[in-house]
């Protein structure tokens, strides 16, 4: 069971990576997205993960993001920084750097592309965690990595990696969340559409991209559930589902483009296009997306510098 005082619980938006002209990281836009979510009341951020197009980022960009988000947050929200890479040495180097700028924890996908034996996965996590000496969160993302972190594999990781604190569970098997919770791990659901049912079986909160856009909706789920107001939590989860329907209204390949366009509209900034090979939205798609966003009552918001 995760203690109520743990910093690793609640709503953790999986931050996007805004891009400026010529496909460059847009620092000012990233700071605005972070500030907007902090002022909404989020408990933390999942940084440089899947919603941030992490596998398309250069290592130096990953380091810059760690710096920017740590500086902008200033201790006002917990930071779990993703350092996953195809080699252990790259992941360990990113972990060491993230720790040096003051993140609260690191997260890491298992080694991907080539199938790896359980002992290799455990050793990978052991080396990455040792490089940072911070709490480690595994990232169960089987649809992208081809690796399903089962309860048995998680127990092996826990036995071999003393820094293991929890995981982001982005698999549709909700029942295994109970097994992760019984191991004493903080298990965030990676599906914001299922935050409420996931919490009923032991999840400590939610990490996903859509809460970037409307953090207040997922915070309503969190707060209502914590107060025992199941009806209120169900109503908020229903509204969250409507937001997610807009986020996925085009093909899955355009998910990053949609999140950036919705945030651009809400915050009055330009979060840019997704990184190639993804294609940007058409002008017609952007107009349709803005119309759907407004129809949900997600009026443009502002953040102060």
Protein backbone atom coordinates (compact mmCIF):
# COMPACT_ATOMS: atom_id res chain seq x y z
CA UNK A 1 0.00 0.00 0.00
CA UNK A 2 1.37 3.42 -1.00
CA UNK A 3 1.53 5.90 1.88
CA UNK A 4 -0.64 9.01 1.59
CA UNK A 5 2.50 11.10 2.11
CA UNK A 6 4.27 9.59 -0.91
CA UNK A 7 5.10 12.13 -3.64
CA UNK A 8 4.37 9.46 -6.24
CA UNK A 9 0.57 9.47 -6.34
CA UNK A 10 -2.08 11.48 -8.11
CA UNK A 11 -2.28 13.05 -11.56
CA UNK A 12 1.02 13.12 -13.46
CA UNK A 13 0.63 14.50 -17.00
CA UNK A 14 2.99 12.85 -19.46
CA UNK A 15 4.47 16.05 -20.86
CA UNK A 16 4.63 16.76 -24.58
CA UNK A 17 7.75 18.15 -26.26
CA UNK A 18 6.85 21.44 -28.00
CA UNK A 19 8.80 22.04 -31.19
CA UNK A 20 9.63 25.42 -32.73
CA UNK A 21 10.68 26.16 -36.29
CA UNK A 22 13.17 23.78 -37.88
CA UNK A 23 12.13 20.99 -35.53
CA UNK A 24 13.91 22.48 -32.50
CA UNK A 25 12.85 22.08 -28.88
CA UNK A 26 10.79 25.12 -27.85
CA UNK A 27 11.87 25.94 -24.31
CA UNK A 28 9.40 28.76 -23.71
CA UNK A 29 6.41 26.70 -24.82
CA UNK A 30 7.52 23.78 -22.63
CA UNK A 31 7.77 26.10 -19.64
CA UNK A 32 4.25 27.39 -20.34
CA UNK A 33 2.80 23.87 -20.49
CA UNK A 34 4.51 22.97 -17.21
CA UNK A 35 3.34 26.14 -15.47
CA UNK A 36 -0.24 25.72 -16.67
CA UNK A 37 -0.41 22.22 -15.22
CA UNK A 38 1.23 23.19 -11.94
CA UNK A 39 -1.29 25.99 -11.43
CA UNK A 40 -4.09 23.53 -12.14
CA UNK A 41 -2.81 21.49 -9.18
CA UNK A 42 -1.17 18.39 -10.66
CA UNK A 43 0.94 16.37 -8.27
CA UNK A 44 3.77 15.69 -10.70
CA UNK A 45 5.00 15.11 -14.25
CA UNK A 46 6.17 12.15 -16.30
CA UNK A 47 8.93 13.80 -18.32
CA UNK A 48 10.36 12.82 -21.73
CA UNK A 49 8.19 9.73 -22.03
CA UNK A 50 6.00 8.39 -24.82
CA UNK A 51 3.80 11.50 -25.13
CA UNK A 52 7.02 13.51 -25.42
CA UNK A 53 8.09 11.52 -28.51
CA UNK A 54 10.96 10.22 -26.40
CA UNK A 55 12.42 7.73 -28.87
CA UNK A 56 12.71 10.57 -31.40
CA UNK A 57 14.65 12.84 -29.03
CA UNK A 58 18.41 13.18 -29.14
CA UNK A 59 20.14 12.51 -25.83
CA UNK A 60 21.14 16.16 -25.58
CA UNK A 61 17.49 17.17 -26.02
CA UNK A 62 16.54 14.79 -23.23
CA UNK A 63 19.11 16.48 -21.00
CA UNK A 64 17.81 19.95 -21.88
CA UNK A 65 14.27 18.87 -21.08
CA UNK A 66 15.40 17.58 -17.68
CA UNK A 67 17.00 20.97 -16.97
CA UNK A 68 14.06 23.03 -18.18
CA UNK A 69 11.35 21.10 -16.36
CA UNK A 70 13.32 20.87 -13.10
CA UNK A 71 13.99 24.61 -13.21
CA UNK A 72 10.41 25.58 -14.06
CA UNK A 73 8.90 23.23 -11.50
CA UNK A 74 11.14 24.45 -8.71
CA UNK A 75 10.05 21.68 -6.37
CA UNK A 76 6.33 22.44 -6.77
CA UNK A 77 5.58 19.04 -8.32
CA UNK A 78 7.29 15.66 -8.35
CA UNK A 79 9.31 14.80 -11.46
CA UNK A 80 9.73 11.31 -12.86
CA UNK A 81 12.12 11.58 -15.79
CA UNK A 82 12.22 8.95 -18.54
CA UNK A 83 15.70 7.74 -19.52
CA UNK A 84 14.84 4.66 -21.59
CA UNK A 85 17.18 3.88 -24.46
CA UNK A 86 18.16 0.91 -26.60
CA UNK A 87 21.48 0.48 -24.77
CA UNK A 88 22.14 0.25 -21.06
CA UNK A 89 25.02 2.73 -21.24
CA UNK A 90 22.89 5.44 -22.87
CA UNK A 91 20.05 4.94 -20.40
CA UNK A 92 22.47 5.01 -17.45
CA UNK A 93 24.11 8.20 -18.72
CA UNK A 94 20.74 9.92 -19.07
CA UNK A 95 19.76 8.72 -15.59
CA UNK A 96 22.94 10.12 -14.06
CA UNK A 97 22.33 13.49 -15.70
CA UNK A 98 18.66 13.66 -14.69
CA UNK A 99 19.65 13.01 -11.09
CA UNK A 100 22.20 15.82 -11.25
CA UNK A 101 19.56 18.45 -12.11
CA UNK A 102 17.23 17.45 -9.29
CA UNK A 103 14.47 15.20 -10.61
CA UNK A 104 12.74 13.08 -7.98
CA UNK A 105 12.82 9.75 -9.77
CA UNK A 106 13.68 8.16 -13.07
CA UNK A 107 11.65 5.86 -15.28
CA UNK A 108 12.74 3.51 -18.00
CA UNK A 109 11.23 1.21 -20.58
CA UNK A 110 12.74 -2.27 -20.65
CA UNK A 111 15.35 -2.92 -23.35
CA UNK A 112 13.48 -3.13 -26.64
CA UNK A 113 13.79 -4.17 -30.30
CA UNK A 114 15.74 -7.34 -29.58
CA UNK A 115 13.96 -9.79 -27.30
CA UNK A 116 15.72 -9.95 -23.96
CA UNK A 117 15.69 -12.65 -21.31
CA UNK A 118 14.38 -11.75 -17.83
CA UNK A 119 17.91 -11.76 -16.37
CA UNK A 120 19.02 -9.24 -19.00
CA UNK A 121 16.06 -6.99 -18.25
CA UNK A 122 16.77 -7.09 -14.53
CA UNK A 123 20.45 -6.31 -15.07
CA UNK A 124 19.54 -3.41 -17.37
CA UNK A 125 17.33 -1.90 -14.69
CA UNK A 126 19.93 -2.53 -11.99
CA UNK A 127 22.62 -0.63 -13.92
CA UNK A 128 20.34 2.28 -14.83
CA UNK A 129 19.06 2.66 -11.27
CA UNK A 130 22.58 2.51 -9.84
CA UNK A 131 23.68 5.36 -12.12
CA UNK A 132 21.10 7.73 -10.64
CA UNK A 133 20.59 6.32 -7.13
CA UNK A 134 17.01 7.61 -7.24
CA UNK A 135 13.66 5.84 -7.05
CA UNK A 136 13.14 3.90 -10.28
CA UNK A 137 9.86 3.40 -12.12
CA UNK A 138 9.60 0.69 -14.73
CA UNK A 139 7.54 1.52 -17.81
CA UNK A 140 5.29 -1.32 -18.93
CA UNK A 141 4.52 -0.38 -22.52
CA UNK A 142 4.20 -3.72 -24.34
CA UNK A 143 2.49 -2.26 -27.41
CA UNK A 144 5.65 -0.29 -28.23
CA UNK A 145 8.46 -2.31 -26.63
CA UNK A 146 7.25 -5.86 -27.24
CA UNK A 147 7.97 -6.61 -23.55
CA UNK A 148 5.14 -7.33 -21.13
CA UNK A 149 6.18 -6.76 -17.53
CA UNK A 150 4.19 -9.40 -15.69
CA UNK A 151 3.82 -9.64 -11.93
CA UNK A 152 6.46 -12.40 -11.90
CA UNK A 153 8.94 -10.32 -13.89
CA UNK A 154 8.25 -7.29 -11.71
CA UNK A 155 9.03 -9.36 -8.62
CA UNK A 156 12.36 -10.36 -10.19
CA UNK A 157 13.13 -6.72 -10.94
CA UNK A 158 12.17 -5.77 -7.38
CA UNK A 159 14.48 -8.44 -5.95
CA UNK A 160 17.40 -7.27 -8.11
CA UNK A 161 16.89 -3.49 -8.03
CA UNK A 162 16.61 -1.98 -4.56
CA UNK A 163 15.71 1.45 -5.97
CA UNK A 164 12.53 0.13 -7.62
CA UNK A 165 9.59 2.25 -6.44
CA UNK A 166 6.87 1.44 -8.94
CA UNK A 167 5.81 1.50 -12.55
CA UNK A 168 3.63 3.04 -15.19
CA UNK A 169 1.32 0.29 -16.39
CA UNK A 170 0.29 0.94 -20.00
CA UNK A 171 -1.22 -2.45 -20.64
CA UNK A 172 -4.95 -3.15 -20.84
CA UNK A 173 -4.75 -5.88 -18.16
CA UNK A 174 -6.06 -3.95 -15.17
CA UNK A 175 -6.19 -6.88 -12.79
CA UNK A 176 -2.40 -7.18 -12.64
CA UNK A 177 -2.38 -3.73 -10.98
CA UNK A 178 -3.58 -5.43 -7.82
CA UNK A 179 -0.56 -7.75 -7.93
CA UNK A 180 1.81 -4.80 -8.38
CA UNK A 181 0.17 -3.01 -5.43
CA UNK A 182 0.57 -6.14 -3.28
CA UNK A 183 4.30 -5.94 -3.98
CA UNK A 184 4.23 -2.52 -2.32
CA UNK A 185 4.81 -0.69 -5.60
CA UNK A 186 3.34 2.62 -6.74
CA UNK A 187 1.47 1.63 -9.89
CA UNK A 188 0.25 4.45 -12.12
CA UNK A 189 -2.19 3.52 -14.84
CA UNK A 190 -1.03 4.68 -18.26
CA UNK A 191 -4.62 4.85 -19.49
CA UNK A 192 -6.33 8.09 -18.51
CA UNK A 193 -9.59 6.61 -19.84
CA UNK A 194 -9.44 4.02 -17.05
CA UNK A 195 -8.07 6.06 -14.16
CA UNK A 196 -11.05 5.48 -11.88
CA UNK A 197 -11.41 1.70 -12.36
CA UNK A 198 -7.63 1.35 -12.09
CA UNK A 199 -7.64 3.09 -8.71
CA UNK A 200 -10.30 0.71 -7.43
CA UNK A 201 -7.85 -2.19 -7.94
CA UNK A 202 -4.83 -0.45 -6.44
CA UNK A 203 -3.45 2.16 -8.86
CA UNK A 204 -1.87 5.19 -7.17
CA UNK A 205 -2.89 7.59 -9.92
CA UNK A 206 -2.59 8.26 -13.62
CA UNK A 207 0.21 9.08 -16.06
CA UNK A 208 -0.93 9.93 -19.60
CA UNK A 209 -0.85 12.58 -22.32
CA UNK A 210 -4.46 13.88 -22.31
CA UNK A 211 -4.19 15.34 -18.76
CA UNK A 212 -1.72 17.87 -20.25
CA UNK A 213 -4.68 19.46 -22.01
CA UNK A 214 -7.32 19.39 -19.25
CA UNK A 215 -5.63 18.56 -15.94
CA UNK A 216 -8.63 19.85 -14.01
CA UNK A 217 -10.78 16.96 -15.24
CA UNK A 218 -8.42 14.24 -14.01
CA UNK A 219 -7.88 16.11 -10.76
CA UNK A 220 -11.65 15.98 -10.25
CA UNK A 221 -11.49 12.18 -10.55
CA UNK A 222 -8.61 12.03 -8.07
CA UNK A 223 -10.17 14.35 -5.52
CA UNK A 224 -13.69 12.90 -5.71
CA UNK A 225 -12.42 9.34 -5.34
CA UNK A 226 -10.21 10.34 -2.41
CA UNK A 227 -13.23 11.87 -0.68
CA UNK A 228 -15.34 8.77 -1.20
CA UNK A 229 -17.55 10.54 -3.76
CA UNK A 230 -17.82 7.69 -6.26
CA UNK A 231 -20.67 9.32 -8.17
CA UNK A 232 -18.65 12.50 -8.63
CA UNK A 233 -15.60 10.50 -9.69
CA UNK A 234 -17.69 8.59 -12.24
CA UNK A 235 -19.05 11.84 -13.69
CA UNK A 236 -15.52 13.26 -14.02
CA UNK A 237 -14.28 10.05 -15.62
CA UNK A 238 -17.11 10.30 -18.14
CA UNK A 239 -16.02 13.84 -19.03
CA UNK A 240 -12.43 12.61 -19.32
CA UNK A 241 -13.57 9.97 -21.80
CA UNK A 242 -15.08 12.70 -23.99
CA UNK A 243 -11.76 14.57 -23.98
CA UNK A 244 -9.87 11.41 -24.90
CA UNK A 245 -12.27 10.81 -27.79
CA UNK A 246 -11.10 14.12 -29.22
CA UNK A 247 -7.44 13.31 -28.55
CA UNK A 248 -7.74 10.15 -30.65
CA UNK A 249 -10.17 11.47 -33.28
CA UNK A 250 -7.60 10.96 -36.02
CA UNK A 251 -5.26 8.01 -36.53
CA UNK A 252 -2.99 6.93 -33.69
CA UNK A 253 -0.02 8.22 -35.67
CA UNK A 254 -1.38 11.76 -35.26
CA UNK A 255 -1.77 11.52 -31.47
CA UNK A 256 1.21 13.79 -30.75
CA UNK A 257 0.04 16.33 -33.33
CA UNK A 258 -3.42 16.43 -31.74
CA UNK A 259 -2.09 16.94 -28.19
CA UNK A 260 0.13 19.79 -29.39
CA UNK A 261 -2.71 21.42 -31.33
CA UNK A 262 -5.10 21.21 -28.37
CA UNK A 263 -2.52 22.70 -26.00
CA UNK A 264 -1.69 25.40 -28.52
CA UNK A 265 -5.37 26.35 -28.64
CA UNK A 266 -5.94 26.26 -24.87
CA UNK A 267 -2.78 28.16 -23.94
CA UNK A 268 -2.63 30.57 -26.88
CA UNK A 269 0.87 29.43 -27.83
CA UNK A 270 2.36 27.38 -30.65
CA UNK A 271 3.52 23.93 -29.54
CA UNK A 272 4.56 23.12 -33.08
CA UNK A 273 4.29 19.94 -35.10
CA UNK A 274 5.29 16.40 -34.18
CA UNK A 275 8.76 15.28 -35.11
CA UNK A 276 9.23 13.48 -38.42
CA UNK A 277 8.35 10.93 -39.64
CA UNK A 278 4.97 12.02 -38.17
CA UNK A 279 3.12 14.51 -40.35
CA UNK A 280 1.48 17.70 -39.08
CA UNK A 281 -2.28 18.16 -39.06
CA UNK A 282 -3.91 19.90 -41.99
CA UNK A 283 -5.50 23.32 -41.54
CA UNK A 284 -8.90 21.64 -41.85
CA UNK A 285 -8.05 19.15 -39.10
CA UNK A 286 -6.81 21.93 -36.79
CA UNK A 287 -10.04 23.89 -37.30
CA UNK A 288 -12.13 20.79 -36.61
CA UNK A 289 -10.08 20.01 -33.52
CA UNK A 290 -10.50 23.51 -32.12
CA UNK A 291 -14.25 23.30 -32.69
CA UNK A 292 -14.46 19.98 -30.84
CA UNK A 293 -12.26 21.30 -28.01
CA UNK A 294 -14.47 24.38 -27.56
CA UNK A 295 -17.58 22.20 -27.63
CA UNK A 296 -16.24 20.32 -24.61
CA UNK A 297 -16.12 23.56 -22.66
CA UNK A 298 -12.33 23.64 -22.68
CA UNK A 299 -12.09 27.37 -23.14
CA UNK A 300 -8.66 28.82 -23.91
CA UNK A 301 -6.72 29.22 -20.67
CA UNK A 302 -3.81 31.50 -19.88
CA UNK A 303 -0.69 31.24 -17.74
CA UNK A 304 1.25 34.11 -16.26
CA UNK A 305 4.99 34.29 -16.66
